[in-house]
Structure formats: C-alpha cells, structure tokens
Amino acid sequence: MSKSLIALSAFLLCLTSSIAQAQSNLYFSGHVGVTVQEDMNNNRGAQGPMEVDTNTGINGGGALGMRIRDFRVEGEISYRDSDIESINSPTIKDSNPIGSSRAISFLGGVYYDIPYSALVRPYFGVAAGLAKVSLEMLPSNSSTFVDDSDWEFAYKIGGGIAYTVTPQVEVIVDYHYFATLDPEYSNSLGQDFQSEFKTHNLNLGFRYNF
C-alpha cells in the first residue's frame, strides 16, 4: 500500500509540476500601429483596370501563445483599416472618394526568439490563417459603388525586438508584412472584379507572461 501511495504521490507531483510549467510558459500580447497598404490593382476584365490608393491606416490586435524554449506558438486576432485616397481607371479619375479597405484576420504563427541578452530578444516568424477583407468605395463622380467582403487565405512574415521590463512584462517593437490571396468583390451593378490586399505594418505592443 505504501509503495502505491508513494507512486501515486510522485505521479500527482509530476502532473502538478507539468501544469505549472505550462502555465508559466503562457503569455498574452497586444499591439497597435500604422498600416501602409500597397496600391490595389483591380482586375475588372472588359471594364479595364482600376488602381486604388489608400491613406496610411491603423491596425491592432491581440494574441495568446506559449513558449517552447526559444520558440513560441500563438494564435492571433488582428484588424487593419485604411481610408481610400484616390481611384484611377479609364472611366473614373477621383482624388476625393469615400470609403475604406479593411481586414480582420485569424492567424496561427510560429516565432523564434534569438537569445541575444537577458533584456533584449530579437525575434522573427511567420503566421497563416484566414481573413475577412472588405472594400467600401464610393467615387465622388460616379453613382456606381462597392460595398462587399470576401474570406481569403492570409499570411504574415516579420519580426521585432522585445525588451524585458519585468519578468512578467515585455515591450515590443514589431514590423510585419501582411497579405491575403486576391479577394473578389462585386459593385452595385453586379459586376465582379478581383482586387488585392497587401500591407506593411509597424507596431508597438506588450507581452504579459503568466
């Protein structure tokens, strides 16, 4: 009986230790920053090409992850939004349109923390998943408008630097390239066209280690 109790106690101790270790490796992170979206070259078939430019936009998001030695795996939800700046096509030339280009994404990623020092840890990684991309566009000199969305495969690649403030809190400066496969939209006349969503993002964030 005593040997069984000792074995059971040892098993429970190992299990408790493993759970505690897993909890200590968990973290939550958040970020906000600026987004620069590349020009959207819209393929409208017989209607001719259309180039849409956007202003510098914003992005933000959060992630829950786990450390595995120098690697991290995490799930992230993020949002990007940029106002439409101008439209240029054979039939529409508009420098004062109304609208925006947006995306909400759900990604899973893997990151590698470079063991540079105890306080500073550069990192890089990749992530992939799905994004709902949306385009709202109302030219000031046309009655034809776009208000549509599409789900597409999405990915990002980038890196940054994490600075340790306390054992629980890190401050992060991050750059990443985020893009999706070409979304398809329809305008108010029911005409379909293919667009693009490619962005450069510079962020400031934090990471809280449980």
N, C-alpha and C. Protein backbone atom coordinates (compact mmCIF):
# COMPACT_ATOMS: atom_id res chain seq x y z
N MET A 1 0.83 -1.19 0.00
CA MET A 1 0.00 0.00 0.00
C MET A 1 0.87 1.25 0.00
N SER A 2 1.93 1.24 0.83
CA SER A 2 2.79 2.42 0.94
C SER A 2 3.48 2.71 -0.38
N LYS A 3 3.90 1.64 -1.11
CA LYS A 3 4.55 1.86 -2.40
C LYS A 3 3.56 2.46 -3.40
N SER A 4 2.31 2.02 -3.35
CA SER A 4 1.30 2.56 -4.24
C SER A 4 1.06 4.04 -3.95
N LEU A 5 0.99 4.36 -2.64
CA LEU A 5 0.78 5.76 -2.27
C LEU A 5 1.95 6.62 -2.71
N ILE A 6 3.16 6.09 -2.58
CA ILE A 6 4.35 6.84 -2.99
C ILE A 6 4.33 7.06 -4.50
N ALA A 7 3.97 6.02 -5.25
CA ALA A 7 3.91 6.13 -6.71
C ALA A 7 2.84 7.13 -7.14
N LEU A 8 1.67 7.07 -6.47
CA LEU A 8 0.59 8.00 -6.80
C LEU A 8 0.99 9.43 -6.47
N SER A 9 1.64 9.61 -5.33
CA SER A 9 2.08 10.95 -4.92
C SER A 9 3.10 11.50 -5.92
N ALA A 10 4.00 10.64 -6.38
CA ALA A 10 5.01 11.07 -7.34
C ALA A 10 4.36 11.46 -8.67
N PHE A 11 3.35 10.66 -9.08
CA PHE A 11 2.65 10.97 -10.33
C PHE A 11 1.93 12.31 -10.23
N LEU A 12 1.22 12.53 -9.11
CA LEU A 12 0.50 13.78 -8.94
C LEU A 12 1.46 14.97 -8.87
N LEU A 13 2.60 14.77 -8.26
CA LEU A 13 3.60 15.83 -8.17
C LEU A 13 4.12 16.20 -9.55
N CYS A 14 4.40 15.18 -10.36
CA CYS A 14 4.89 15.43 -11.73
C CYS A 14 3.81 16.12 -12.56
N LEU A 15 2.55 15.67 -12.40
CA LEU A 15 1.45 16.27 -13.15
C LEU A 15 1.27 17.72 -12.76
N THR A 16 1.29 18.00 -11.46
CA THR A 16 1.15 19.38 -10.98
C THR A 16 2.29 20.25 -11.48
N SER A 17 3.50 19.70 -11.45
CA SER A 17 4.67 20.44 -11.93
C SER A 17 4.56 20.75 -13.42
N SER A 18 4.07 19.77 -14.20
CA SER A 18 3.92 19.97 -15.65
C SER A 18 2.89 21.04 -15.95
N ILE A 19 1.76 21.01 -15.22
CA ILE A 19 0.73 22.02 -15.42
C ILE A 19 1.24 23.40 -15.06
N ALA A 20 1.96 23.49 -13.95
CA ALA A 20 2.51 24.77 -13.53
C ALA A 20 3.51 25.30 -14.54
N GLN A 21 4.34 24.37 -15.07
CA GLN A 21 5.33 24.78 -16.06
C GLN A 21 4.65 25.28 -17.32
N ALA A 22 3.58 24.57 -17.74
CA ALA A 22 2.85 25.01 -18.94
C ALA A 22 2.23 26.37 -18.73
N GLN A 23 1.65 26.59 -17.53
CA GLN A 23 1.05 27.89 -17.24
C GLN A 23 2.10 28.99 -17.23
N SER A 24 3.29 28.70 -16.73
CA SER A 24 4.34 29.72 -16.66
C SER A 24 4.86 30.07 -18.04
N ASN A 25 4.64 29.21 -19.03
CA ASN A 25 5.09 29.48 -20.39
C ASN A 25 4.04 30.18 -21.22
N LEU A 26 2.83 30.36 -20.69
CA LEU A 26 1.78 31.04 -21.43
C LEU A 26 1.98 32.55 -21.38
N TYR A 27 1.51 33.22 -22.43
CA TYR A 27 1.58 34.69 -22.45
C TYR A 27 0.44 35.25 -23.26
N PHE A 28 0.18 36.54 -23.01
CA PHE A 28 -0.79 37.30 -23.81
C PHE A 28 -0.08 38.52 -24.33
N SER A 29 -0.36 38.89 -25.58
CA SER A 29 0.26 40.08 -26.15
C SER A 29 -0.78 40.92 -26.87
N GLY A 30 -0.50 42.19 -26.98
CA GLY A 30 -1.35 43.12 -27.71
C GLY A 30 -0.51 44.13 -28.45
N HIS A 31 -1.07 44.72 -29.50
CA HIS A 31 -0.31 45.70 -30.28
C HIS A 31 -1.24 46.67 -30.99
N VAL A 32 -0.72 47.86 -31.27
CA VAL A 32 -1.37 48.85 -32.12
C VAL A 32 -0.29 49.46 -33.00
N GLY A 33 -0.69 49.98 -34.16
CA GLY A 33 0.32 50.58 -35.03
C GLY A 33 -0.27 51.15 -36.30
N VAL A 34 0.62 51.45 -37.23
CA VAL A 34 0.23 52.04 -38.50
C VAL A 34 0.33 50.99 -39.60
N THR A 35 -0.53 51.13 -40.59
CA THR A 35 -0.58 50.23 -41.74
C THR A 35 -0.45 51.02 -43.02
N VAL A 36 0.45 50.58 -43.89
CA VAL A 36 0.58 51.17 -45.21
C VAL A 36 0.19 50.09 -46.21
N GLN A 37 -0.95 50.29 -46.87
CA GLN A 37 -1.43 49.32 -47.84
C GLN A 37 -0.90 49.64 -49.23
N GLU A 38 -0.39 48.62 -49.90
CA GLU A 38 0.08 48.82 -51.27
C GLU A 38 -1.10 49.13 -52.19
N ASP A 39 -0.82 49.80 -53.30
CA ASP A 39 -1.87 50.13 -54.26
C ASP A 39 -2.63 48.87 -54.66
N MET A 40 -3.94 48.98 -54.69
CA MET A 40 -4.78 47.86 -55.12
C MET A 40 -4.99 47.95 -56.63
N ASN A 41 -4.45 46.98 -57.33
CA ASN A 41 -4.67 46.90 -58.78
C ASN A 41 -5.84 45.97 -59.03
N ASN A 42 -6.97 46.55 -59.36
CA ASN A 42 -8.20 45.78 -59.52
C ASN A 42 -8.37 45.32 -60.97
N ASN A 43 -8.55 44.03 -61.13
CA ASN A 43 -8.76 43.45 -62.45
C ASN A 43 -10.25 43.38 -62.73
N ARG A 44 -10.73 44.27 -63.60
CA ARG A 44 -12.17 44.36 -63.88
C ARG A 44 -12.53 43.79 -65.25
N GLY A 45 -11.63 43.02 -65.84
CA GLY A 45 -11.93 42.39 -67.12
C GLY A 45 -12.17 43.40 -68.22
N ALA A 46 -13.33 43.28 -68.88
CA ALA A 46 -13.66 44.16 -70.00
C ALA A 46 -13.85 45.61 -69.57
N GLN A 47 -14.05 45.86 -68.25
CA GLN A 47 -14.23 47.23 -67.78
C GLN A 47 -12.91 47.99 -67.71
N GLY A 48 -11.80 47.27 -67.83
CA GLY A 48 -10.50 47.91 -67.76
C GLY A 48 -9.94 47.90 -66.35
N PRO A 49 -8.63 48.12 -66.20
CA PRO A 49 -8.00 48.09 -64.88
C PRO A 49 -8.40 49.31 -64.03
N MET A 50 -8.32 49.14 -62.73
CA MET A 50 -8.57 50.24 -61.80
C MET A 50 -7.53 50.19 -60.68
N GLU A 51 -6.84 51.30 -60.47
CA GLU A 51 -5.87 51.39 -59.38
C GLU A 51 -6.46 52.22 -58.26
N VAL A 52 -6.43 51.66 -57.05
CA VAL A 52 -6.98 52.33 -55.88
C VAL A 52 -5.85 52.54 -54.87
N ASP A 53 -5.66 53.80 -54.46
CA ASP A 53 -4.66 54.14 -53.45
C ASP A 53 -5.34 54.38 -52.11
N THR A 54 -4.62 54.10 -51.02
CA THR A 54 -5.16 54.33 -49.68
C THR A 54 -4.24 55.23 -48.87
N ASN A 55 -4.82 55.88 -47.87
CA ASN A 55 -4.03 56.63 -46.91
C ASN A 55 -3.39 55.67 -45.90
N THR A 56 -2.43 56.18 -45.15
CA THR A 56 -1.86 55.40 -44.05
C THR A 56 -2.97 55.09 -43.05
N GLY A 57 -3.09 53.82 -42.70
CA GLY A 57 -4.17 53.39 -41.82
C GLY A 57 -3.68 52.95 -40.45
N ILE A 58 -4.54 52.23 -39.76
CA ILE A 58 -4.24 51.75 -38.42
C ILE A 58 -4.42 50.24 -38.36
N ASN A 59 -3.80 49.64 -37.36
CA ASN A 59 -4.02 48.22 -37.10
C ASN A 59 -3.87 47.95 -35.62
N GLY A 60 -4.45 46.86 -35.18
CA GLY A 60 -4.34 46.47 -33.78
C GLY A 60 -4.77 45.02 -33.62
N GLY A 61 -4.39 44.43 -32.50
CA GLY A 61 -4.76 43.04 -32.29
C GLY A 61 -4.22 42.49 -30.99
N GLY A 62 -4.51 41.22 -30.78
CA GLY A 62 -4.03 40.52 -29.59
C GLY A 62 -3.75 39.07 -29.90
N ALA A 63 -2.96 38.45 -29.05
CA ALA A 63 -2.57 37.05 -29.28
C ALA A 63 -2.40 36.32 -27.95
N LEU A 64 -2.65 35.03 -27.97
CA LEU A 64 -2.39 34.14 -26.84
C LEU A 64 -1.41 33.09 -27.32
N GLY A 65 -0.31 32.91 -26.56
CA GLY A 65 0.72 32.00 -27.02
C GLY A 65 1.38 31.21 -25.91
N MET A 66 2.31 30.35 -26.32
CA MET A 66 3.08 29.53 -25.38
C MET A 66 4.52 29.45 -25.84
N ARG A 67 5.42 29.55 -24.88
CA ARG A 67 6.85 29.42 -25.16
C ARG A 67 7.27 27.97 -25.10
N ILE A 68 8.10 27.57 -26.04
CA ILE A 68 8.73 26.25 -26.02
C ILE A 68 10.21 26.48 -26.26
N ARG A 69 10.94 26.64 -25.17
CA ARG A 69 12.35 27.04 -25.22
C ARG A 69 12.47 28.38 -25.94
N ASP A 70 13.23 28.43 -27.04
CA ASP A 70 13.40 29.70 -27.75
C ASP A 70 12.34 29.92 -28.82
N PHE A 71 11.37 29.02 -28.91
CA PHE A 71 10.30 29.16 -29.88
C PHE A 71 9.00 29.57 -29.18
N ARG A 72 8.11 30.17 -29.95
CA ARG A 72 6.78 30.49 -29.46
C ARG A 72 5.74 30.10 -30.52
N VAL A 73 4.62 29.56 -30.05
CA VAL A 73 3.48 29.32 -30.93
C VAL A 73 2.31 30.14 -30.38
N GLU A 74 1.54 30.76 -31.28
CA GLU A 74 0.47 31.62 -30.81
C GLU A 74 -0.67 31.71 -31.82
N GLY A 75 -1.84 32.06 -31.29
CA GLY A 75 -3.00 32.38 -32.11
C GLY A 75 -3.30 33.85 -31.98
N GLU A 76 -3.59 34.50 -33.10
CA GLU A 76 -3.72 35.95 -33.12
C GLU A 76 -5.00 36.38 -33.84
N ILE A 77 -5.63 37.42 -33.30
CA ILE A 77 -6.73 38.12 -33.97
C ILE A 77 -6.27 39.56 -34.18
N SER A 78 -6.41 40.07 -35.40
CA SER A 78 -5.97 41.44 -35.67
C SER A 78 -6.89 42.12 -36.68
N TYR A 79 -6.78 43.45 -36.74
CA TYR A 79 -7.66 44.26 -37.57
C TYR A 79 -6.84 45.35 -38.24
N ARG A 80 -7.15 45.63 -39.53
CA ARG A 80 -6.48 46.69 -40.28
C ARG A 80 -7.53 47.51 -41.03
N ASP A 81 -7.29 48.83 -41.09
CA ASP A 81 -8.27 49.72 -41.71
C ASP A 81 -7.54 50.90 -42.33
N SER A 82 -7.78 51.13 -43.63
CA SER A 82 -7.16 52.26 -44.34
C SER A 82 -8.23 52.95 -45.19
N ASP A 83 -8.27 54.27 -45.14
CA ASP A 83 -9.22 55.04 -45.95
C ASP A 83 -8.77 55.09 -47.40
N ILE A 84 -9.74 55.10 -48.32
CA ILE A 84 -9.44 55.23 -49.74
C ILE A 84 -8.99 56.66 -50.03
N GLU A 85 -7.89 56.80 -50.76
CA GLU A 85 -7.35 58.13 -51.08
C GLU A 85 -7.69 58.56 -52.51
N SER A 86 -7.55 57.67 -53.48
CA SER A 86 -7.82 58.04 -54.86
C SER A 86 -8.15 56.80 -55.69
N ILE A 87 -8.84 57.04 -56.81
CA ILE A 87 -9.22 55.99 -57.75
C ILE A 87 -8.79 56.43 -59.14
N ASN A 88 -8.16 55.53 -59.87
CA ASN A 88 -7.70 55.87 -61.21
C ASN A 88 -8.02 54.71 -62.16
N SER A 89 -8.89 54.97 -63.13
CA SER A 89 -9.25 53.96 -64.13
C SER A 89 -9.56 54.68 -65.44
N PRO A 90 -9.74 53.94 -66.53
CA PRO A 90 -10.10 54.59 -67.80
C PRO A 90 -11.40 55.38 -67.73
N THR A 91 -12.30 55.02 -66.84
CA THR A 91 -13.60 55.69 -66.75
C THR A 91 -13.76 56.56 -65.51
N ILE A 92 -12.94 56.33 -64.47
CA ILE A 92 -13.06 57.09 -63.22
C ILE A 92 -11.69 57.59 -62.79
N LYS A 93 -11.59 58.91 -62.60
CA LYS A 93 -10.39 59.50 -62.02
C LYS A 93 -10.86 60.39 -60.88
N ASP A 94 -10.61 59.94 -59.66
CA ASP A 94 -11.20 60.59 -58.49
C ASP A 94 -10.16 60.71 -57.39
N SER A 95 -9.92 61.93 -56.93
CA SER A 95 -8.97 62.16 -55.84
C SER A 95 -9.69 62.43 -54.52
N ASN A 96 -11.01 62.27 -54.50
CA ASN A 96 -11.76 62.54 -53.28
C ASN A 96 -12.90 61.54 -53.08
N PRO A 97 -12.59 60.24 -53.15
CA PRO A 97 -13.65 59.24 -52.94
C PRO A 97 -13.92 59.03 -51.46
N ILE A 98 -15.00 58.32 -51.17
CA ILE A 98 -15.35 57.94 -49.81
C ILE A 98 -15.22 56.43 -49.71
N GLY A 99 -14.64 55.94 -48.61
CA GLY A 99 -14.57 54.50 -48.43
C GLY A 99 -13.35 54.06 -47.67
N SER A 100 -13.21 52.76 -47.51
CA SER A 100 -12.08 52.20 -46.78
C SER A 100 -11.83 50.76 -47.21
N SER A 101 -10.61 50.30 -46.92
CA SER A 101 -10.21 48.92 -47.16
C SER A 101 -9.85 48.32 -45.81
N ARG A 102 -10.47 47.19 -45.46
CA ARG A 102 -10.31 46.65 -44.11
C ARG A 102 -10.08 45.15 -44.16
N ALA A 103 -9.53 44.63 -43.05
CA ALA A 103 -9.38 43.19 -42.90
C ALA A 103 -9.37 42.82 -41.43
N ILE A 104 -10.09 41.76 -41.08
CA ILE A 104 -9.97 41.14 -39.76
C ILE A 104 -9.45 39.74 -39.99
N SER A 105 -8.37 39.38 -39.27
CA SER A 105 -7.69 38.12 -39.56
C SER A 105 -7.58 37.26 -38.31
N PHE A 106 -7.51 35.95 -38.57
CA PHE A 106 -7.37 34.93 -37.53
C PHE A 106 -6.20 34.04 -37.96
N LEU A 107 -5.05 34.18 -37.27
CA LEU A 107 -3.83 33.52 -37.70
C LEU A 107 -3.23 32.67 -36.60
N GLY A 108 -2.53 31.62 -37.01
CA GLY A 108 -1.69 30.84 -36.12
C GLY A 108 -0.25 30.99 -36.57
N GLY A 109 0.67 31.24 -35.61
CA GLY A 109 2.04 31.53 -36.01
C GLY A 109 3.09 30.81 -35.18
N VAL A 110 4.30 30.76 -35.73
CA VAL A 110 5.47 30.21 -35.05
C VAL A 110 6.57 31.26 -35.10
N TYR A 111 7.21 31.53 -33.95
CA TYR A 111 8.22 32.57 -33.86
C TYR A 111 9.46 32.03 -33.15
N TYR A 112 10.60 32.57 -33.53
CA TYR A 112 11.86 32.18 -32.90
C TYR A 112 12.46 33.39 -32.21
N ASP A 113 12.72 33.26 -30.89
CA ASP A 113 13.35 34.32 -30.11
C ASP A 113 14.86 34.11 -30.10
N ILE A 114 15.59 35.08 -30.64
CA ILE A 114 17.05 34.98 -30.68
C ILE A 114 17.60 35.32 -29.29
N PRO A 115 18.33 34.42 -28.65
CA PRO A 115 18.83 34.66 -27.29
C PRO A 115 19.99 35.66 -27.27
N TYR A 116 19.66 36.92 -27.52
CA TYR A 116 20.69 37.97 -27.63
C TYR A 116 21.20 38.38 -26.26
N SER A 117 20.28 38.69 -25.33
CA SER A 117 20.67 39.05 -23.97
C SER A 117 19.49 38.80 -23.05
N ALA A 118 19.69 39.02 -21.76
CA ALA A 118 18.63 38.78 -20.79
C ALA A 118 17.51 39.79 -20.92
N LEU A 119 17.83 41.00 -21.41
CA LEU A 119 16.83 42.06 -21.51
C LEU A 119 16.28 42.25 -22.91
N VAL A 120 17.09 42.01 -23.91
CA VAL A 120 16.70 42.28 -25.30
C VAL A 120 16.69 40.97 -26.09
N ARG A 121 15.55 40.69 -26.73
CA ARG A 121 15.42 39.46 -27.51
C ARG A 121 14.79 39.78 -28.87
N PRO A 122 15.60 39.85 -29.91
CA PRO A 122 15.03 39.97 -31.26
C PRO A 122 14.29 38.67 -31.61
N TYR A 123 13.34 38.77 -32.53
CA TYR A 123 12.60 37.58 -32.94
C TYR A 123 12.12 37.75 -34.38
N PHE A 124 11.79 36.62 -34.99
CA PHE A 124 11.17 36.63 -36.32
C PHE A 124 10.27 35.42 -36.44
N GLY A 125 9.34 35.47 -37.39
CA GLY A 125 8.44 34.34 -37.54
C GLY A 125 7.45 34.51 -38.66
N VAL A 126 6.60 33.52 -38.79
CA VAL A 126 5.57 33.51 -39.84
C VAL A 126 4.25 33.07 -39.22
N ALA A 127 3.15 33.46 -39.87
CA ALA A 127 1.82 33.07 -39.42
C ALA A 127 0.92 32.95 -40.64
N ALA A 128 -0.12 32.15 -40.50
CA ALA A 128 -1.06 31.95 -41.61
C ALA A 128 -2.44 31.63 -41.05
N GLY A 129 -3.46 31.88 -41.87
CA GLY A 129 -4.83 31.62 -41.44
C GLY A 129 -5.83 32.18 -42.43
N LEU A 130 -6.90 32.75 -41.91
CA LEU A 130 -7.97 33.30 -42.73
C LEU A 130 -8.21 34.76 -42.38
N ALA A 131 -8.68 35.53 -43.37
CA ALA A 131 -9.02 36.93 -43.15
C ALA A 131 -10.29 37.28 -43.91
N LYS A 132 -11.12 38.08 -43.29
CA LYS A 132 -12.27 38.66 -43.98
C LYS A 132 -11.86 40.05 -44.43
N VAL A 133 -11.69 40.23 -45.74
CA VAL A 133 -11.29 41.52 -46.29
C VAL A 133 -12.53 42.21 -46.86
N SER A 134 -12.60 43.53 -46.65
CA SER A 134 -13.78 44.29 -47.06
C SER A 134 -13.34 45.54 -47.81
N LEU A 135 -14.15 45.93 -48.77
CA LEU A 135 -13.90 47.14 -49.54
C LEU A 135 -15.18 47.95 -49.65
N GLU A 136 -15.12 49.19 -49.15
CA GLU A 136 -16.20 50.15 -49.34
C GLU A 136 -15.64 51.30 -50.17
N MET A 137 -16.28 51.61 -51.27
CA MET A 137 -15.73 52.62 -52.17
C MET A 137 -16.86 53.31 -52.93
N LEU A 138 -16.98 54.61 -52.70
CA LEU A 138 -17.99 55.43 -53.37
C LEU A 138 -17.28 56.60 -54.05
N PRO A 139 -17.07 56.53 -55.35
CA PRO A 139 -16.45 57.64 -56.05
C PRO A 139 -17.33 58.90 -55.97
N SER A 140 -16.69 60.07 -55.90
CA SER A 140 -17.46 61.31 -55.81
C SER A 140 -18.09 61.69 -57.13
N ASN A 141 -17.60 61.12 -58.24
CA ASN A 141 -18.11 61.48 -59.56
C ASN A 141 -18.78 60.31 -60.28
N SER A 142 -19.32 59.35 -59.49
CA SER A 142 -19.98 58.19 -60.09
C SER A 142 -21.04 57.67 -59.14
N SER A 143 -22.09 57.11 -59.69
CA SER A 143 -23.15 56.52 -58.87
C SER A 143 -22.90 55.04 -58.59
N THR A 144 -21.89 54.48 -59.24
CA THR A 144 -21.54 53.07 -59.02
C THR A 144 -20.63 52.95 -57.80
N PHE A 145 -20.98 52.10 -56.86
CA PHE A 145 -20.20 51.97 -55.64
C PHE A 145 -19.92 50.50 -55.34
N VAL A 146 -18.99 50.28 -54.41
CA VAL A 146 -18.62 48.94 -53.95
C VAL A 146 -18.82 48.86 -52.45
N ASP A 147 -19.48 47.83 -51.98
CA ASP A 147 -19.62 47.56 -50.55
C ASP A 147 -19.72 46.05 -50.39
N ASP A 148 -18.55 45.39 -50.32
CA ASP A 148 -18.53 43.94 -50.38
C ASP A 148 -17.37 43.41 -49.54
N SER A 149 -17.39 42.12 -49.25
CA SER A 149 -16.33 41.47 -48.48
C SER A 149 -16.10 40.06 -48.99
N ASP A 150 -14.96 39.48 -48.60
CA ASP A 150 -14.60 38.15 -49.06
C ASP A 150 -13.66 37.51 -48.04
N TRP A 151 -13.80 36.20 -47.84
CA TRP A 151 -12.87 35.46 -46.98
C TRP A 151 -11.76 34.89 -47.85
N GLU A 152 -10.50 35.10 -47.40
CA GLU A 152 -9.36 34.61 -48.15
C GLU A 152 -8.27 34.08 -47.22
N PHE A 153 -7.42 33.22 -47.77
CA PHE A 153 -6.23 32.78 -47.05
C PHE A 153 -5.34 33.99 -46.80
N ALA A 154 -4.80 34.08 -45.59
CA ALA A 154 -3.96 35.23 -45.21
C ALA A 154 -2.67 34.74 -44.57
N TYR A 155 -1.64 35.56 -44.66
CA TYR A 155 -0.36 35.21 -44.06
C TYR A 155 0.40 36.48 -43.68
N LYS A 156 1.35 36.31 -42.78
CA LYS A 156 2.24 37.42 -42.44
C LYS A 156 3.62 36.88 -42.13
N ILE A 157 4.61 37.73 -42.35
CA ILE A 157 6.01 37.41 -42.05
C ILE A 157 6.68 38.67 -41.53
N GLY A 158 7.49 38.52 -40.51
CA GLY A 158 8.13 39.71 -39.95
C GLY A 158 8.90 39.38 -38.70
N GLY A 159 9.20 40.42 -37.96
CA GLY A 159 9.97 40.25 -36.73
C GLY A 159 10.00 41.53 -35.93
N GLY A 160 10.73 41.50 -34.84
CA GLY A 160 10.80 42.67 -33.99
C GLY A 160 11.79 42.49 -32.86
N ILE A 161 11.66 43.34 -31.87
CA ILE A 161 12.53 43.30 -30.69
C ILE A 161 11.66 43.40 -29.45
N ALA A 162 11.89 42.51 -28.50
CA ALA A 162 11.17 42.54 -27.23
C ALA A 162 12.15 42.97 -26.13
N TYR A 163 11.74 43.96 -25.33
CA TYR A 163 12.57 44.44 -24.22
C TYR A 163 11.89 44.08 -22.91
N THR A 164 12.63 43.41 -22.02
CA THR A 164 12.09 42.95 -20.75
C THR A 164 12.06 44.09 -19.75
N VAL A 165 10.85 44.46 -19.30
CA VAL A 165 10.68 45.49 -18.28
C VAL A 165 10.68 44.85 -16.89
N THR A 166 9.89 43.78 -16.74
CA THR A 166 9.86 42.96 -15.53
C THR A 166 9.80 41.51 -16.00
N PRO A 167 9.95 40.54 -15.10
CA PRO A 167 9.82 39.13 -15.53
C PRO A 167 8.49 38.83 -16.20
N GLN A 168 7.45 39.62 -15.91
CA GLN A 168 6.14 39.37 -16.50
C GLN A 168 5.85 40.24 -17.73
N VAL A 169 6.47 41.38 -17.84
CA VAL A 169 6.08 42.36 -18.87
C VAL A 169 7.24 42.65 -19.82
N GLU A 170 6.94 42.59 -21.12
CA GLU A 170 7.87 42.97 -22.16
C GLU A 170 7.24 44.01 -23.08
N VAL A 171 8.05 44.95 -23.55
CA VAL A 171 7.63 45.94 -24.53
C VAL A 171 8.16 45.51 -25.89
N ILE A 172 7.32 45.63 -26.93
CA ILE A 172 7.65 45.08 -28.24
C ILE A 172 7.56 46.15 -29.32
N VAL A 173 8.56 46.19 -30.18
CA VAL A 173 8.50 46.96 -31.42
C VAL A 173 8.55 45.94 -32.56
N ASP A 174 7.60 46.04 -33.49
CA ASP A 174 7.39 44.96 -34.44
C ASP A 174 7.11 45.50 -35.84
N TYR A 175 7.69 44.84 -36.86
CA TYR A 175 7.31 45.08 -38.25
C TYR A 175 6.88 43.75 -38.86
N HIS A 176 5.79 43.79 -39.65
CA HIS A 176 5.44 42.59 -40.40
C HIS A 176 4.72 42.95 -41.70
N TYR A 177 4.89 42.09 -42.66
CA TYR A 177 4.19 42.18 -43.94
C TYR A 177 2.99 41.25 -43.87
N PHE A 178 1.81 41.80 -44.14
CA PHE A 178 0.58 41.01 -44.08
C PHE A 178 -0.12 41.10 -45.43
N ALA A 179 -0.58 39.96 -45.94
CA ALA A 179 -1.26 39.94 -47.24
C ALA A 179 -2.25 38.79 -47.28
N THR A 180 -3.15 38.85 -48.26
CA THR A 180 -4.10 37.77 -48.50
C THR A 180 -4.04 37.38 -49.97
N LEU A 181 -4.64 36.25 -50.28
CA LEU A 181 -4.88 35.96 -51.68
C LEU A 181 -5.87 37.00 -52.23
N ASP A 182 -5.91 37.17 -53.54
CA ASP A 182 -6.71 38.24 -54.14
C ASP A 182 -8.19 38.04 -53.85
N PRO A 183 -8.81 38.99 -53.15
CA PRO A 183 -10.25 38.89 -52.89
C PRO A 183 -11.05 39.25 -54.14
N GLU A 184 -12.29 38.78 -54.18
CA GLU A 184 -13.21 39.11 -55.28
C GLU A 184 -14.40 39.89 -54.72
N TYR A 185 -14.73 40.99 -55.39
CA TYR A 185 -15.82 41.85 -54.96
C TYR A 185 -16.81 42.03 -56.12
N SER A 186 -17.97 42.58 -55.77
CA SER A 186 -18.97 42.97 -56.76
C SER A 186 -19.36 44.42 -56.50
N ASN A 187 -19.59 45.19 -57.58
CA ASN A 187 -20.05 46.56 -57.39
C ASN A 187 -21.58 46.60 -57.42
N SER A 188 -22.13 47.80 -57.32
CA SER A 188 -23.58 47.95 -57.21
C SER A 188 -24.31 47.56 -58.49
N LEU A 189 -23.59 47.40 -59.59
CA LEU A 189 -24.20 46.96 -60.85
C LEU A 189 -24.12 45.44 -61.01
N GLY A 190 -23.57 44.76 -60.00
CA GLY A 190 -23.43 43.32 -60.07
C GLY A 190 -22.24 42.86 -60.87
N GLN A 191 -21.30 43.76 -61.16
CA GLN A 191 -20.10 43.42 -61.92
C GLN A 191 -19.00 42.94 -60.96
N ASP A 192 -18.45 41.76 -61.20
CA ASP A 192 -17.42 41.18 -60.35
C ASP A 192 -16.04 41.65 -60.79
N PHE A 193 -15.15 41.78 -59.82
CA PHE A 193 -13.76 42.11 -60.13
C PHE A 193 -12.85 41.57 -59.04
N GLN A 194 -11.60 41.43 -59.37
CA GLN A 194 -10.59 40.89 -58.45
C GLN A 194 -9.70 42.01 -57.96
N SER A 195 -9.40 42.03 -56.66
CA SER A 195 -8.61 43.09 -56.07
C SER A 195 -7.38 42.52 -55.38
N GLU A 196 -6.74 43.33 -54.52
CA GLU A 196 -5.55 42.91 -53.78
C GLU A 196 -5.62 43.43 -52.35
N PHE A 197 -4.91 42.76 -51.45
CA PHE A 197 -4.75 43.27 -50.09
C PHE A 197 -3.35 42.91 -49.61
N LYS A 198 -2.44 43.92 -49.65
CA LYS A 198 -1.05 43.73 -49.27
C LYS A 198 -0.64 44.92 -48.41
N THR A 199 -0.11 44.65 -47.22
CA THR A 199 0.18 45.75 -46.30
C THR A 199 1.54 45.61 -45.62
N HIS A 200 2.07 46.77 -45.21
CA HIS A 200 3.26 46.85 -44.36
C HIS A 200 2.81 47.47 -43.04
N ASN A 201 3.23 46.86 -41.91
CA ASN A 201 2.71 47.25 -40.60
C ASN A 201 3.85 47.46 -39.61
N LEU A 202 3.82 48.61 -38.92
CA LEU A 202 4.79 48.92 -37.87
C LEU A 202 4.02 49.12 -36.57
N ASN A 203 4.38 48.33 -35.54
CA ASN A 203 3.57 48.28 -34.33
C ASN A 203 4.39 48.49 -33.06
N LEU A 204 3.68 48.94 -32.04
CA LEU A 204 4.20 49.00 -30.68
C LEU A 204 3.27 48.15 -29.82
N GLY A 205 3.84 47.28 -28.99
CA GLY A 205 3.00 46.39 -28.22
C GLY A 205 3.61 45.97 -26.91
N PHE A 206 2.95 45.02 -26.28
CA PHE A 206 3.43 44.49 -25.00
C PHE A 206 3.17 42.99 -24.98
N ARG A 207 3.88 42.31 -24.09
CA ARG A 207 3.66 40.89 -23.86
C ARG A 207 3.63 40.65 -22.36
N TYR A 208 2.56 39.99 -21.88
CA TYR A 208 2.46 39.67 -20.46
C TYR A 208 2.62 38.19 -20.28
N ASN A 209 3.61 37.78 -19.51
CA ASN A 209 3.94 36.38 -19.25
C ASN A 209 3.27 35.93 -17.95
N PHE A 210 2.45 34.89 -18.04
CA PHE A 210 1.75 34.38 -16.87
C PHE A 210 2.69 33.62 -15.95
